[in-house]
């Protein structure tokens, strides 16, 4: 098992390095510079040149990359030019905030999507299947930001069921001591029922938006996988052998799990980028909103740290998926 994990981690190093190089070049060759933003509209030419030299932007791109690679090797992601804080500290502070959304949203979306997809496959071309396909197609087609804005319009403005999308906690409450990074969990640990209730109410809408985004493709993919498995030779043989329908479904479900888990893992790596728009609409303050603000403002160090974090997160997700697949189907690790 240890060799398996090490082999996966070593194999991911070239991919992470390639992502680092491409991101570094794209950010600098994109024509966006933070110098004018940092200097201000009244800055003189000498002040602009001084700031450019302090940031190292007067050097060639390759010299900048060598310096940046050296700082990365030392565990330093640089300093944000906007917040004037270490990028690593900013990222570590915001990772639990984004993971809280992903954990509840993707977990709920995956559970609902797999259940609906399997039921649609069991009753192929029936009324439930038709409705599930139409609903999943709508959920798959709606833009992320539009879904978030629509949720605020309906549930906050029109029905007044939800609080405004202005962060993770009501502005009239003080945040509990930071332990896990989740205001809901930290409020429960601190015995602050009012904080926990407010944090839960703020979580509902963004979590539902992420759940819809995660569930729609999961329904479609799970249905396709289950239909293929139900048409396989071993399932037809089980039916011909007179096994009960419940036993046949358990056999089919076990054989569906490996491709379904693999798909959910790949979907999760894409959703962490999509979550940035959800965070931006709801002013969530997590890693996604941090990266989006860095891209808009041309904060090179923050953008590079954000993309590198996403790459490392993807490596960890795929490693976890490989371990789950080996637990479900040990023969998958025999290669």
C-alpha atoms as a PDB file:
ATOM      1  CA  UNK A   1       0.000   0.000   0.000  1.00  0.00           C
ATOM      2  CA  UNK A   2       2.832   2.400   0.855  1.00  0.00           C
ATOM      3  CA  UNK A   3       4.505   1.720  -2.504  1.00  0.00           C
ATOM      4  CA  UNK A   4       1.175   2.300  -4.227  1.00  0.00           C
ATOM      5  CA  UNK A   5       0.760   5.714  -2.545  1.00  0.00           C
ATOM      6  CA  UNK A   6       4.357   6.753  -3.215  1.00  0.00           C
ATOM      7  CA  UNK A   7       4.071   5.716  -6.864  1.00  0.00           C
ATOM      8  CA  UNK A   8       0.962   7.859  -7.295  1.00  0.00           C
ATOM      9  CA  UNK A   9       2.579  10.860  -5.572  1.00  0.00           C
ATOM     10  CA  UNK A  10       5.779  10.616  -7.611  1.00  0.00           C
ATOM     11  CA  UNK A  11       3.758  10.297 -10.803  1.00  0.00           C
ATOM     12  CA  UNK A  12       1.893  13.506  -9.946  1.00  0.00           C
ATOM     13  CA  UNK A  13       5.058  15.618  -9.560  1.00  0.00           C
ATOM     14  CA  UNK A  14       5.554  16.273 -13.312  1.00  0.00           C
ATOM     15  CA  UNK A  15       1.898  17.265 -13.712  1.00  0.00           C
ATOM     16  CA  UNK A  16       2.052  19.708 -10.778  1.00  0.00           C
ATOM     17  CA  UNK A  17       5.312  21.180 -12.102  1.00  0.00           C
ATOM     18  CA  UNK A  18       3.815  21.609 -15.576  1.00  0.00           C
ATOM     19  CA  UNK A  19       0.780  23.367 -14.082  1.00  0.00           C
ATOM     20  CA  UNK A  20       3.112  25.640 -12.124  1.00  0.00           C
ATOM     21  CA  UNK A  21       5.077  26.579 -15.251  1.00  0.00           C
ATOM     22  CA  UNK A  22       1.990  27.178 -17.401  1.00  0.00           C
ATOM     23  CA  UNK A  23       0.279  29.257 -14.719  1.00  0.00           C
ATOM     24  CA  UNK A  24       3.409  31.330 -14.134  1.00  0.00           C
ATOM     25  CA  UNK A  25       3.761  32.104 -17.839  1.00  0.00           C
ATOM     26  CA  UNK A  26       0.083  32.790 -18.485  1.00  0.00           C
ATOM     27  CA  UNK A  27      -0.182  35.177 -15.542  1.00  0.00           C
ATOM     28  CA  UNK A  28       2.820  37.214 -16.673  1.00  0.00           C
ATOM     29  CA  UNK A  29       2.176  37.096 -20.392  1.00  0.00           C
ATOM     30  CA  UNK A  30      -1.475  38.073 -19.954  1.00  0.00           C
ATOM     31  CA  UNK A  31      -0.604  41.775 -20.003  1.00  0.00           C
ATOM     32  CA  UNK A  32      -2.115  42.511 -16.565  1.00  0.00           C
ATOM     33  CA  UNK A  33       0.191  44.174 -14.035  1.00  0.00           C
ATOM     34  CA  UNK A  34      -0.577  45.151 -10.429  1.00  0.00           C
ATOM     35  CA  UNK A  35       1.939  47.991 -10.450  1.00  0.00           C
ATOM     36  CA  UNK A  36      -0.578  50.652 -11.482  1.00  0.00           C
ATOM     37  CA  UNK A  37      -3.065  49.408  -8.864  1.00  0.00           C
ATOM     38  CA  UNK A  38      -0.458  49.452  -6.097  1.00  0.00           C
ATOM     39  CA  UNK A  39       1.048  52.783  -7.126  1.00  0.00           C
ATOM     40  CA  UNK A  40      -2.275  54.602  -7.397  1.00  0.00           C
ATOM     41  CA  UNK A  41      -3.555  57.060 -10.002  1.00  0.00           C
ATOM     42  CA  UNK A  42      -1.272  59.895  -8.822  1.00  0.00           C
ATOM     43  CA  UNK A  43       1.995  57.930  -8.898  1.00  0.00           C
ATOM     44  CA  UNK A  44       4.941  59.380 -10.757  1.00  0.00           C
ATOM     45  CA  UNK A  45       7.038  57.475 -13.257  1.00  0.00           C
ATOM     46  CA  UNK A  46       9.858  57.120 -10.722  1.00  0.00           C
ATOM     47  CA  UNK A  47       7.471  55.597  -8.163  1.00  0.00           C
ATOM     48  CA  UNK A  48       6.138  53.121 -10.735  1.00  0.00           C
ATOM     49  CA  UNK A  49       9.681  52.096 -11.663  1.00  0.00           C
ATOM     50  CA  UNK A  50      10.586  51.692  -7.983  1.00  0.00           C
ATOM     51  CA  UNK A  51       7.562  49.438  -7.307  1.00  0.00           C
ATOM     52  CA  UNK A  52       8.312  47.419 -10.453  1.00  0.00           C
ATOM     53  CA  UNK A  53      11.883  46.841  -9.248  1.00  0.00           C
ATOM     54  CA  UNK A  54      10.741  45.890  -5.728  1.00  0.00           C
ATOM     55  CA  UNK A  55       8.366  43.274  -7.159  1.00  0.00           C
ATOM     56  CA  UNK A  56      11.037  41.940  -9.488  1.00  0.00           C
ATOM     57  CA  UNK A  57       8.928  42.627 -12.565  1.00  0.00           C
ATOM     58  CA  UNK A  58      11.804  44.456 -14.276  1.00  0.00           C
ATOM     59  CA  UNK A  59      13.600  41.114 -14.733  1.00  0.00           C
ATOM     60  CA  UNK A  60      13.071  38.639 -17.524  1.00  0.00           C
ATOM     61  CA  UNK A  61      10.290  36.070 -17.237  1.00  0.00           C
ATOM     62  CA  UNK A  62      12.743  33.201 -16.825  1.00  0.00           C
ATOM     63  CA  UNK A  63      14.626  34.996 -14.058  1.00  0.00           C
ATOM     64  CA  UNK A  64      11.343  35.576 -12.283  1.00  0.00           C
ATOM     65  CA  UNK A  65      10.461  31.894 -12.657  1.00  0.00           C
ATOM     66  CA  UNK A  66      13.794  30.723 -11.235  1.00  0.00           C
ATOM     67  CA  UNK A  67      13.330  32.958  -8.211  1.00  0.00           C
ATOM     68  CA  UNK A  68       9.747  31.808  -7.775  1.00  0.00           C
ATOM     69  CA  UNK A  69      10.677  28.127  -8.097  1.00  0.00           C
ATOM     70  CA  UNK A  70      13.330  28.647  -5.440  1.00  0.00           C
ATOM     71  CA  UNK A  71      10.815  30.132  -3.028  1.00  0.00           C
ATOM     72  CA  UNK A  72       8.348  27.303  -3.759  1.00  0.00           C
ATOM     73  CA  UNK A  73      11.057  24.714  -3.034  1.00  0.00           C
ATOM     74  CA  UNK A  74      11.573  26.405   0.329  1.00  0.00           C
ATOM     75  CA  UNK A  75       7.871  26.169   1.170  1.00  0.00           C
ATOM     76  CA  UNK A  76       7.189  29.855   0.532  1.00  0.00           C
ATOM     77  CA  UNK A  77       4.406  30.796  -1.905  1.00  0.00           C
ATOM     78  CA  UNK A  78       5.389  34.454  -1.852  1.00  0.00           C
ATOM     79  CA  UNK A  79       3.586  37.488  -0.514  1.00  0.00           C
ATOM     80  CA  UNK A  80       0.290  38.817  -1.795  1.00  0.00           C
ATOM     81  CA  UNK A  81       0.718  42.252  -3.315  1.00  0.00           C
ATOM     82  CA  UNK A  82      -2.854  43.178  -2.399  1.00  0.00           C
ATOM     83  CA  UNK A  83      -3.183  41.980   1.213  1.00  0.00           C
ATOM     84  CA  UNK A  84       0.579  42.263   1.951  1.00  0.00           C
ATOM     85  CA  UNK A  85       0.382  38.899   3.728  1.00  0.00           C
ATOM     86  CA  UNK A  86       2.097  35.579   2.962  1.00  0.00           C
ATOM     87  CA  UNK A  87       0.074  33.731   0.342  1.00  0.00           C
ATOM     88  CA  UNK A  88       0.474  30.448   2.211  1.00  0.00           C
ATOM     89  CA  UNK A  89      -1.085  31.976   5.346  1.00  0.00           C
ATOM     90  CA  UNK A  90      -4.007  33.352   3.306  1.00  0.00           C
ATOM     91  CA  UNK A  91      -4.598  29.970   1.648  1.00  0.00           C
ATOM     92  CA  UNK A  92      -4.372  27.928   4.852  1.00  0.00           C
ATOM     93  CA  UNK A  93      -6.847  30.294   6.495  1.00  0.00           C
ATOM     94  CA  UNK A  94      -9.372  29.911   3.670  1.00  0.00           C
ATOM     95  CA  UNK A  95      -9.053  26.205   2.811  1.00  0.00           C
ATOM     96  CA  UNK A  96     -11.372  25.000   5.643  1.00  0.00           C
ATOM     97  CA  UNK A  97     -13.969  27.589   4.587  1.00  0.00           C
ATOM     98  CA  UNK A  98     -14.134  26.198   1.043  1.00  0.00           C
ATOM     99  CA  UNK A  99     -13.902  22.569   2.169  1.00  0.00           C
ATOM    100  CA  UNK A 100     -16.950  23.124   4.363  1.00  0.00           C
ATOM    101  CA  UNK A 101     -18.999  24.070   1.293  1.00  0.00           C
ATOM    102  CA  UNK A 102     -17.569  21.235  -0.793  1.00  0.00           C
ATOM    103  CA  UNK A 103     -18.078  18.608   1.907  1.00  0.00           C
ATOM    104  CA  UNK A 104     -21.770  19.340   2.426  1.00  0.00           C
ATOM    105  CA  UNK A 105     -22.587  20.334  -1.155  1.00  0.00           C
ATOM    106  CA  UNK A 106     -20.809  17.518  -2.986  1.00  0.00           C
ATOM    107  CA  UNK A 107     -21.794  14.980  -0.344  1.00  0.00           C
ATOM    108  CA  UNK A 108     -25.473  15.867  -0.646  1.00  0.00           C
ATOM    109  CA  UNK A 109     -25.314  16.139  -4.447  1.00  0.00           C
ATOM    110  CA  UNK A 110     -23.504  12.819  -4.837  1.00  0.00           C
ATOM    111  CA  UNK A 111     -25.912  10.973  -2.522  1.00  0.00           C
ATOM    112  CA  UNK A 112     -28.999  12.327  -4.285  1.00  0.00           C
ATOM    113  CA  UNK A 113     -27.481  11.985  -7.761  1.00  0.00           C
ATOM    114  CA  UNK A 114     -26.413   8.357  -7.303  1.00  0.00           C
ATOM    115  CA  UNK A 115     -29.775   7.369  -5.798  1.00  0.00           C
ATOM    116  CA  UNK A 116     -31.771   9.031  -8.595  1.00  0.00           C
ATOM    117  CA  UNK A 117     -29.442   7.712 -11.306  1.00  0.00           C
ATOM    118  CA  UNK A 118     -29.723   4.141 -10.060  1.00  0.00           C
ATOM    119  CA  UNK A 119     -33.500   4.299  -9.757  1.00  0.00           C
ATOM    120  CA  UNK A 120     -33.753   5.788 -13.264  1.00  0.00           C
ATOM    121  CA  UNK A 121     -31.642   2.910 -14.597  1.00  0.00           C
ATOM    122  CA  UNK A 122     -33.735   0.258 -12.762  1.00  0.00           C
ATOM    123  CA  UNK A 123     -36.874   1.735 -14.373  1.00  0.00           C
ATOM    124  CA  UNK A 124     -35.420   2.665 -17.720  1.00  0.00           C
ATOM    125  CA  UNK A 125     -37.705   4.684 -20.050  1.00  0.00           C
ATOM    126  CA  UNK A 126     -40.359   4.911 -17.359  1.00  0.00           C
ATOM    127  CA  UNK A 127     -41.955   8.071 -16.013  1.00  0.00           C
ATOM    128  CA  UNK A 128     -39.344   8.483 -13.252  1.00  0.00           C
ATOM    129  CA  UNK A 129     -36.526   8.031 -15.766  1.00  0.00           C
ATOM    130  CA  UNK A 130     -37.946  10.659 -18.103  1.00  0.00           C
ATOM    131  CA  UNK A 131     -38.408  13.197 -15.312  1.00  0.00           C
ATOM    132  CA  UNK A 132     -34.927  12.503 -13.909  1.00  0.00           C
ATOM    133  CA  UNK A 133     -33.312  13.002 -17.317  1.00  0.00           C
ATOM    134  CA  UNK A 134     -35.112  16.304 -17.904  1.00  0.00           C
ATOM    135  CA  UNK A 135     -34.337  17.666 -14.429  1.00  0.00           C
ATOM    136  CA  UNK A 136     -30.672  16.625 -14.626  1.00  0.00           C
ATOM    137  CA  UNK A 137     -30.370  18.248 -18.054  1.00  0.00           C
ATOM    138  CA  UNK A 138     -31.765  21.518 -16.677  1.00  0.00           C
ATOM    139  CA  UNK A 139     -29.439  21.384 -13.661  1.00  0.00           C
ATOM    140  CA  UNK A 140     -26.499  20.598 -15.920  1.00  0.00           C
ATOM    141  CA  UNK A 141     -27.273  23.548 -18.229  1.00  0.00           C
ATOM    142  CA  UNK A 142     -27.936  26.350 -15.729  1.00  0.00           C
ATOM    143  CA  UNK A 143     -24.872  28.612 -15.246  1.00  0.00           C
ATOM    144  CA  UNK A 144     -23.422  28.529 -11.763  1.00  0.00           C
ATOM    145  CA  UNK A 145     -23.650  32.250 -11.041  1.00  0.00           C
ATOM    146  CA  UNK A 146     -27.234  32.397 -12.368  1.00  0.00           C
ATOM    147  CA  UNK A 147     -28.284  29.545 -10.077  1.00  0.00           C
ATOM    148  CA  UNK A 148     -26.773  31.331  -7.059  1.00  0.00           C
ATOM    149  CA  UNK A 149     -28.408  34.651  -7.939  1.00  0.00           C
ATOM    150  CA  UNK A 150     -31.741  32.926  -8.597  1.00  0.00           C
ATOM    151  CA  UNK A 151     -31.574  31.201  -5.200  1.00  0.00           C
ATOM    152  CA  UNK A 152     -31.018  34.560  -3.490  1.00  0.00           C
ATOM    153  CA  UNK A 153     -33.825  36.171  -5.480  1.00  0.00           C
ATOM    154  CA  UNK A 154     -36.374  33.472  -4.651  1.00  0.00           C
ATOM    155  CA  UNK A 155     -35.494  32.377  -1.122  1.00  0.00           C
ATOM    156  CA  UNK A 156     -34.153  35.642   0.324  1.00  0.00           C
ATOM    157  CA  UNK A 157     -35.874  38.468  -1.559  1.00  0.00           C
ATOM    158  CA  UNK A 158     -39.227  36.946  -2.539  1.00  0.00           C
ATOM    159  CA  UNK A 159     -39.989  34.303   0.114  1.00  0.00           C
ATOM    160  CA  UNK A 160     -37.761  35.690   2.901  1.00  0.00           C
ATOM    161  CA  UNK A 161     -36.892  32.173   3.999  1.00  0.00           C
ATOM    162  CA  UNK A 162     -33.121  32.597   3.892  1.00  0.00           C
ATOM    163  CA  UNK A 163     -30.716  35.225   5.254  1.00  0.00           C
ATOM    164  CA  UNK A 164     -28.885  37.585   2.868  1.00  0.00           C
ATOM    165  CA  UNK A 165     -25.808  36.213   1.129  1.00  0.00           C
ATOM    166  CA  UNK A 166     -23.348  38.273   3.148  1.00  0.00           C
ATOM    167  CA  UNK A 167     -20.850  35.848   4.609  1.00  0.00           C
ATOM    168  CA  UNK A 168     -20.863  32.852   6.903  1.00  0.00           C
ATOM    169  CA  UNK A 169     -22.379  34.485   9.975  1.00  0.00           C
ATOM    170  CA  UNK A 170     -24.909  37.185  10.785  1.00  0.00           C
ATOM    171  CA  UNK A 171     -23.256  40.580  11.220  1.00  0.00           C
ATOM    172  CA  UNK A 172     -24.860  41.064  14.643  1.00  0.00           C
ATOM    173  CA  UNK A 173     -23.052  38.027  16.075  1.00  0.00           C
ATOM    174  CA  UNK A 174     -19.406  37.607  17.002  1.00  0.00           C
ATOM    175  CA  UNK A 175     -17.521  34.645  15.584  1.00  0.00           C
ATOM    176  CA  UNK A 176     -16.546  31.851  18.005  1.00  0.00           C
ATOM    177  CA  UNK A 177     -12.876  30.984  18.648  1.00  0.00           C
ATOM    178  CA  UNK A 178     -11.378  29.469  15.492  1.00  0.00           C
ATOM    179  CA  UNK A 179     -10.755  25.745  15.963  1.00  0.00           C
ATOM    180  CA  UNK A 180     -11.707  23.913  12.765  1.00  0.00           C
ATOM    181  CA  UNK A 181     -12.345  26.864  10.459  1.00  0.00           C
ATOM    182  CA  UNK A 182     -16.043  25.976  10.191  1.00  0.00           C
ATOM    183  CA  UNK A 183     -18.218  28.535  11.982  1.00  0.00           C
ATOM    184  CA  UNK A 184     -20.960  25.908  12.398  1.00  0.00           C
ATOM    185  CA  UNK A 185     -18.702  23.345  14.065  1.00  0.00           C
ATOM    186  CA  UNK A 186     -16.764  25.935  16.061  1.00  0.00           C
ATOM    187  CA  UNK A 187     -20.067  27.385  17.309  1.00  0.00           C
ATOM    188  CA  UNK A 188     -21.196  23.942  18.456  1.00  0.00           C
ATOM    189  CA  UNK A 189     -17.869  23.293  20.177  1.00  0.00           C
ATOM    190  CA  UNK A 190     -18.045  26.653  21.950  1.00  0.00           C
ATOM    191  CA  UNK A 191     -21.653  26.010  23.018  1.00  0.00           C
ATOM    192  CA  UNK A 192     -22.900  29.019  21.052  1.00  0.00           C
ATOM    193  CA  UNK A 193     -26.313  27.907  19.838  1.00  0.00           C
ATOM    194  CA  UNK A 194     -27.101  31.272  18.264  1.00  0.00           C
ATOM    195  CA  UNK A 195     -23.871  31.172  16.247  1.00  0.00           C
ATOM    196  CA  UNK A 196     -24.451  27.580  15.133  1.00  0.00           C
ATOM    197  CA  UNK A 197     -28.017  28.376  14.067  1.00  0.00           C
ATOM    198  CA  UNK A 198     -26.921  31.458  12.116  1.00  0.00           C
ATOM    199  CA  UNK A 199     -24.037  29.582  10.476  1.00  0.00           C
ATOM    200  CA  UNK A 200     -26.374  26.765   9.449  1.00  0.00           C
ATOM    201  CA  UNK A 201     -28.877  29.192   7.915  1.00  0.00           C
ATOM    202  CA  UNK A 202     -26.073  30.873   5.958  1.00  0.00           C
ATOM    203  CA  UNK A 203     -24.870  27.467   4.737  1.00  0.00           C
ATOM    204  CA  UNK A 204     -28.173  26.280   3.305  1.00  0.00           C
ATOM    205  CA  UNK A 205     -28.368  28.234   0.043  1.00  0.00           C
ATOM    206  CA  UNK A 206     -24.728  27.871  -1.126  1.00  0.00           C
ATOM    207  CA  UNK A 207     -24.741  24.191  -0.180  1.00  0.00           C
ATOM    208  CA  UNK A 208     -27.952  23.597  -2.151  1.00  0.00           C
ATOM    209  CA  UNK A 209     -26.472  25.386  -5.176  1.00  0.00           C
ATOM    210  CA  UNK A 210     -23.359  23.208  -5.096  1.00  0.00           C
ATOM    211  CA  UNK A 211     -25.515  20.116  -4.516  1.00  0.00           C
ATOM    212  CA  UNK A 212     -27.565  20.884  -7.646  1.00  0.00           C
ATOM    213  CA  UNK A 213     -24.395  21.428  -9.687  1.00  0.00           C
ATOM    214  CA  UNK A 214     -22.922  18.159  -8.389  1.00  0.00           C
ATOM    215  CA  UNK A 215     -26.109  16.086  -8.622  1.00  0.00           C
ATOM    216  CA  UNK A 216     -27.047  16.890 -12.229  1.00  0.00           C
ATOM    217  CA  UNK A 217     -24.042  15.253 -13.971  1.00  0.00           C
ATOM    218  CA  UNK A 218     -23.949  12.512 -11.326  1.00  0.00           C
ATOM    219  CA  UNK A 219     -27.519  11.468 -12.203  1.00  0.00           C
ATOM    220  CA  UNK A 220     -26.667  11.303 -15.896  1.00  0.00           C
ATOM    221  CA  UNK A 221     -23.400   9.417 -15.438  1.00  0.00           C
ATOM    222  CA  UNK A 222     -24.747   6.997 -12.822  1.00  0.00           C
ATOM    223  CA  UNK A 223     -27.733   6.170 -15.018  1.00  0.00           C
ATOM    224  CA  UNK A 224     -25.484   5.455 -18.017  1.00  0.00           C
ATOM    225  CA  UNK A 225     -23.126   3.279 -15.944  1.00  0.00           C
ATOM    226  CA  UNK A 226     -25.986   1.345 -14.336  1.00  0.00           C
ATOM    227  CA  UNK A 227     -27.694   0.711 -17.677  1.00  0.00           C
ATOM    228  CA  UNK A 228     -24.449  -0.667 -19.091  1.00  0.00           C
ATOM    229  CA  UNK A 229     -23.932  -2.905 -16.058  1.00  0.00           C
ATOM    230  CA  UNK A 230     -27.541  -4.154 -16.153  1.00  0.00           C
ATOM    231  CA  UNK A 231     -27.021  -5.179 -19.777  1.00  0.00           C
ATOM    232  CA  UNK A 232     -23.815  -7.102 -19.057  1.00  0.00           C
ATOM    233  CA  UNK A 233     -23.491 -10.864 -19.403  1.00  0.00           C
ATOM    234  CA  UNK A 234     -23.085 -11.583 -15.683  1.00  0.00           C
ATOM    235  CA  UNK A 235     -26.278  -9.694 -14.790  1.00  0.00           C
ATOM    236  CA  UNK A 236     -28.230 -11.474 -17.526  1.00  0.00           C
ATOM    237  CA  UNK A 237     -26.845 -14.786 -16.241  1.00  0.00           C
ATOM    238  CA  UNK A 238     -27.901 -13.892 -12.661  1.00  0.00           C
ATOM    239  CA  UNK A 239     -31.425 -13.193 -13.880  1.00  0.00           C
ATOM    240  CA  UNK A 240     -31.499 -16.396 -15.934  1.00  0.00           C
ATOM    241  CA  UNK A 241     -30.335 -18.327 -12.870  1.00  0.00           C
ATOM    242  CA  UNK A 242     -33.482 -17.179 -11.059  1.00  0.00           C
ATOM    243  CA  UNK A 243     -31.840 -14.918  -8.484  1.00  0.00           C
ATOM    244  CA  UNK A 244     -34.229 -12.486  -6.763  1.00  0.00           C
ATOM    245  CA  UNK A 245     -34.406  -8.961  -8.179  1.00  0.00           C
ATOM    246  CA  UNK A 246     -32.922  -7.527  -4.966  1.00  0.00           C
ATOM    247  CA  UNK A 247     -29.883  -9.821  -5.276  1.00  0.00           C
ATOM    248  CA  UNK A 248     -29.413  -8.883  -8.928  1.00  0.00           C
ATOM    249  CA  UNK A 249     -29.500  -5.200  -8.009  1.00  0.00           C
ATOM    250  CA  UNK A 250     -26.869  -5.708  -5.310  1.00  0.00           C
ATOM    251  CA  UNK A 251     -24.621  -7.417  -7.851  1.00  0.00           C
ATOM    252  CA  UNK A 252     -25.152  -4.576 -10.304  1.00  0.00           C
ATOM    253  CA  UNK A 253     -24.629  -1.937  -7.603  1.00  0.00           C
ATOM    254  CA  UNK A 254     -21.258  -3.371  -6.596  1.00  0.00           C
ATOM    255  CA  UNK A 255     -20.066  -3.293 -10.189  1.00  0.00           C
ATOM    256  CA  UNK A 256     -21.356   0.267 -10.630  1.00  0.00           C
ATOM    257  CA  UNK A 257     -19.512   1.679  -7.666  1.00  0.00           C
ATOM    258  CA  UNK A 258     -15.983   1.793  -9.122  1.00  0.00           C
ATOM    259  CA  UNK A 259     -16.816   3.957 -12.178  1.00  0.00           C
ATOM    260  CA  UNK A 260     -19.275   6.052 -10.152  1.00  0.00           C
ATOM    261  CA  UNK A 261     -16.704   6.790  -7.423  1.00  0.00           C
ATOM    262  CA  UNK A 262     -14.124   7.627 -10.089  1.00  0.00           C
ATOM    263  CA  UNK A 263     -16.538  10.033 -11.759  1.00  0.00           C
ATOM    264  CA  UNK A 264     -17.439  11.735  -8.462  1.00  0.00           C
ATOM    265  CA  UNK A 265     -13.737  12.210  -7.735  1.00  0.00           C
ATOM    266  CA  UNK A 266     -13.117  13.847 -11.101  1.00  0.00           C
ATOM    267  CA  UNK A 267     -16.251  15.945 -10.629  1.00  0.00           C
ATOM    268  CA  UNK A 268     -15.005  17.120  -7.238  1.00  0.00           C
ATOM    269  CA  UNK A 269     -11.752  18.436  -8.693  1.00  0.00           C
ATOM    270  CA  UNK A 270     -13.743  20.533 -11.163  1.00  0.00           C
ATOM    271  CA  UNK A 271     -16.244  21.755  -8.595  1.00  0.00           C
ATOM    272  CA  UNK A 272     -13.609  23.398  -6.420  1.00  0.00           C
ATOM    273  CA  UNK A 273     -13.071  25.889  -9.234  1.00  0.00           C
ATOM    274  CA  UNK A 274     -16.798  26.285  -9.807  1.00  0.00           C
ATOM    275  CA  UNK A 275     -17.272  26.964  -6.106  1.00  0.00           C
ATOM    276  CA  UNK A 276     -15.413  30.256  -6.598  1.00  0.00           C
ATOM    277  CA  UNK A 277     -18.499  31.765  -8.265  1.00  0.00           C
ATOM    278  CA  UNK A 278     -20.766  30.498  -5.480  1.00  0.00           C
ATOM    279  CA  UNK A 279     -18.457  32.003  -2.881  1.00  0.00           C
ATOM    280  CA  UNK A 280     -18.310  35.291  -4.766  1.00  0.00           C
ATOM    281  CA  UNK A 281     -22.103  35.622  -4.956  1.00  0.00           C
ATOM    282  CA  UNK A 282     -22.594  34.742  -1.286  1.00  0.00           C
ATOM    283  CA  UNK A 283     -19.491  36.673  -0.074  1.00  0.00           C
ATOM    284  CA  UNK A 284     -18.301  33.449   1.519  1.00  0.00           C
ATOM    285  CA  UNK A 285     -14.650  34.451   1.909  1.00  0.00           C
ATOM    286  CA  UNK A 286     -13.153  31.070   1.077  1.00  0.00           C
ATOM    287  CA  UNK A 287     -10.330  29.957  -1.170  1.00  0.00           C
ATOM    288  CA  UNK A 288     -12.406  30.270  -4.342  1.00  0.00           C
ATOM    289  CA  UNK A 289     -13.312  33.912  -3.702  1.00  0.00           C
ATOM    290  CA  UNK A 290      -9.686  34.605  -2.775  1.00  0.00           C
ATOM    291  CA  UNK A 291      -8.433  33.160  -6.064  1.00  0.00           C
ATOM    292  CA  UNK A 292     -11.081  34.953  -8.111  1.00  0.00           C
ATOM    293  CA  UNK A 293     -10.220  38.303  -6.511  1.00  0.00           C
ATOM    294  CA  UNK A 294      -6.535  37.639  -7.142  1.00  0.00           C
ATOM    295  CA  UNK A 295      -7.204  36.960 -10.820  1.00  0.00           C
ATOM    296  CA  UNK A 296      -9.312  40.115 -11.198  1.00  0.00           C
ATOM    297  CA  UNK A 297      -6.714  42.313  -9.469  1.00  0.00           C
ATOM    298  CA  UNK A 298      -3.643  40.776 -11.096  1.00  0.00           C
ATOM    299  CA  UNK A 299      -2.119  39.529  -7.824  1.00  0.00           C
ATOM    300  CA  UNK A 300       0.466  37.201  -9.405  1.00  0.00           C
ATOM    301  CA  UNK A 301       1.681  35.493  -6.233  1.00  0.00           C
ATOM    302  CA  UNK A 302      -1.853  34.820  -4.990  1.00  0.00           C
ATOM    303  CA  UNK A 303      -2.977  33.465  -8.387  1.00  0.00           C
ATOM    304  CA  UNK A 304      -0.001  31.119  -8.593  1.00  0.00           C
ATOM    305  CA  UNK A 305      -0.532  29.921  -5.025  1.00  0.00           C
ATOM    306  CA  UNK A 306      -4.238  29.404  -5.677  1.00  0.00           C
ATOM    307  CA  UNK A 307      -3.674  27.337  -8.833  1.00  0.00           C
ATOM    308  CA  UNK A 308      -0.907  25.319  -7.174  1.00  0.00           C
ATOM    309  CA  UNK A 309      -3.254  24.580  -4.273  1.00  0.00           C
ATOM    310  CA  UNK A 310      -5.940  23.378  -6.690  1.00  0.00           C
ATOM    311  CA  UNK A 311      -3.398  21.108  -8.385  1.00  0.00           C
ATOM    312  CA  UNK A 312      -2.309  19.590  -5.071  1.00  0.00           C
ATOM    313  CA  UNK A 313      -5.950  19.189  -4.062  1.00  0.00           C
ATOM    314  CA  UNK A 314      -6.630  17.305  -7.305  1.00  0.00           C
ATOM    315  CA  UNK A 315      -3.690  14.987  -6.611  1.00  0.00           C
ATOM    316  CA  UNK A 316      -5.020  14.212  -3.131  1.00  0.00           C
ATOM    317  CA  UNK A 317      -8.553  13.638  -4.446  1.00  0.00           C
ATOM    318  CA  UNK A 318      -7.402  11.196  -7.138  1.00  0.00           C
ATOM    319  CA  UNK A 319      -5.164   9.414  -4.621  1.00  0.00           C
ATOM    320  CA  UNK A 320      -8.140   9.043  -2.281  1.00  0.00           C
ATOM    321  CA  UNK A 321     -10.274   7.778  -5.169  1.00  0.00           C
ATOM    322  CA  UNK A 322      -7.613   5.187  -6.010  1.00  0.00           C
ATOM    323  CA  UNK A 323      -7.602   3.970  -2.406  1.00  0.00           C
ATOM    324  CA  UNK A 324     -11.415   3.761  -2.315  1.00  0.00           C
ATOM    325  CA  UNK A 325     -11.426   1.869  -5.616  1.00  0.00           C
ATOM    326  CA  UNK A 326      -8.883  -0.600  -4.237  1.00  0.00           C
ATOM    327  CA  UNK A 327     -11.065  -1.130  -1.170  1.00  0.00           C
ATOM    328  CA  UNK A 328     -14.163  -1.733  -3.306  1.00  0.00           C
ATOM    329  CA  UNK A 329     -12.399  -3.827  -5.955  1.00  0.00           C
ATOM    330  CA  UNK A 330      -9.015  -5.211  -4.783  1.00  0.00           C
ATOM    331  CA  UNK A 331      -8.276  -6.518  -8.269  1.00  0.00           C
ATOM    332  CA  UNK A 332      -7.977  -2.903  -9.447  1.00  0.00           C
ATOM    333  CA  UNK A 333      -4.671  -2.592  -7.582  1.00  0.00           C
ATOM    334  CA  UNK A 334      -3.234  -5.860  -8.840  1.00  0.00           C
ATOM    335  CA  UNK A 335      -1.732  -4.173 -11.928  1.00  0.00           C
END
